[in-house]
Structure formats: structure tokens, C-alpha cells
Amino acid sequence: MVEETLSQDWQWLDQVIGPLDDDFVEAALEQSAEQIRPALDDIFY
């Protein structure tokens, strides 16, 4: 059995992904326009 301590925060993730470039940050913060899909209303409502 392997026992490892569990992280109490997300700092470990910084080591995994490294720094983010400006294009990635811009794309991640971009808001998509609402999609109007009436056919799905019949399925989910």
C-alpha cells in the first residue's frame, strides 16, 4: 500500500501545469454566447 499525504491546497497544480500564456487566459475567461436550442427543451423540461 502506498501512503501519501493529501494536499490541503492547490499549490501542487502550479508545478504540474506551469505558467499560463496570455492567449490561454483570454480563452479561458471568454464567455460564450447563449445557444438557443428549442429541440432540447422537449428532452430536458
C-alpha atoms as a PDB file:
ATOM      1  CA  MET A   1       0.000   0.000   0.000  1.00  0.00           C
ATOM      2  CA  VAL A   2       1.315   3.442  -0.922  1.00  0.00           C
ATOM      3  CA  GLU A   3       0.571   6.153   1.578  1.00  0.00           C
ATOM      4  CA  GLU A   4       0.925   9.774   0.579  1.00  0.00           C
ATOM      5  CA  THR A   5      -0.179  12.882   2.373  1.00  0.00           C
ATOM      6  CA  LEU A   6      -3.100  14.725   0.817  1.00  0.00           C
ATOM      7  CA  SER A   7      -2.588  18.333  -0.201  1.00  0.00           C
ATOM      8  CA  GLN A   8      -4.565  20.924   1.691  1.00  0.00           C
ATOM      9  CA  ASP A   9      -4.479  23.456  -1.168  1.00  0.00           C
ATOM     10  CA  TRP A  10      -3.996  23.687  -4.930  1.00  0.00           C
ATOM     11  CA  GLN A  11      -0.331  24.778  -4.977  1.00  0.00           C
ATOM     12  CA  TRP A  12       0.760  21.364  -6.282  1.00  0.00           C
ATOM     13  CA  LEU A  13      -1.089  22.134  -9.507  1.00  0.00           C
ATOM     14  CA  ASP A  14       1.267  25.044 -10.278  1.00  0.00           C
ATOM     15  CA  GLN A  15       4.115  22.551 -10.575  1.00  0.00           C
ATOM     16  CA  VAL A  16       2.130  20.377 -12.968  1.00  0.00           C
ATOM     17  CA  ILE A  17       0.842  22.972 -15.416  1.00  0.00           C
ATOM     18  CA  GLY A  18       3.447  25.725 -15.179  1.00  0.00           C
ATOM     19  CA  PRO A  19       2.703  29.311 -16.150  1.00  0.00           C
ATOM     20  CA  LEU A  20      -0.208  30.114 -18.468  1.00  0.00           C
ATOM     21  CA  ASP A  21       0.276  32.331 -21.506  1.00  0.00           C
ATOM     22  CA  ASP A  22      -1.975  35.312 -22.256  1.00  0.00           C
ATOM     23  CA  ASP A  23      -3.836  33.512 -25.081  1.00  0.00           C
ATOM     24  CA  PHE A  24      -4.816  30.668 -22.769  1.00  0.00           C
ATOM     25  CA  VAL A  25      -6.026  33.038 -20.053  1.00  0.00           C
ATOM     26  CA  GLU A  26      -8.057  35.060 -22.567  1.00  0.00           C
ATOM     27  CA  ALA A  27      -9.690  31.917 -23.981  1.00  0.00           C
ATOM     28  CA  ALA A  28     -10.467  30.578 -20.505  1.00  0.00           C
ATOM     29  CA  LEU A  29     -12.164  33.820 -19.476  1.00  0.00           C
ATOM     30  CA  GLU A  30     -14.124  34.247 -22.716  1.00  0.00           C
ATOM     31  CA  GLN A  31     -17.898  34.000 -22.317  1.00  0.00           C
ATOM     32  CA  SER A  32     -19.749  32.019 -24.968  1.00  0.00           C
ATOM     33  CA  ALA A  33     -22.974  33.357 -26.415  1.00  0.00           C
ATOM     34  CA  GLU A  34     -26.138  31.635 -25.251  1.00  0.00           C
ATOM     35  CA  GLN A  35     -27.296  28.905 -27.603  1.00  0.00           C
ATOM     36  CA  ILE A  36     -30.997  28.756 -28.310  1.00  0.00           C
ATOM     37  CA  ARG A  37     -31.865  25.119 -28.994  1.00  0.00           C
ATOM     38  CA  PRO A  38     -35.625  24.616 -28.666  1.00  0.00           C
ATOM     39  CA  ALA A  39     -35.455  20.928 -29.629  1.00  0.00           C
ATOM     40  CA  LEU A  40     -33.607  20.237 -26.387  1.00  0.00           C
ATOM     41  CA  ASP A  41     -36.404  21.848 -24.345  1.00  0.00           C
ATOM     42  CA  ASP A  42     -38.609  18.853 -25.154  1.00  0.00           C
ATOM     43  CA  ILE A  43     -35.972  16.467 -23.817  1.00  0.00           C
ATOM     44  CA  PHE A  44     -34.886  18.226 -20.619  1.00  0.00           C
ATOM     45  CA  TYR A  45     -38.012  20.069 -19.457  1.00  0.00           C
END
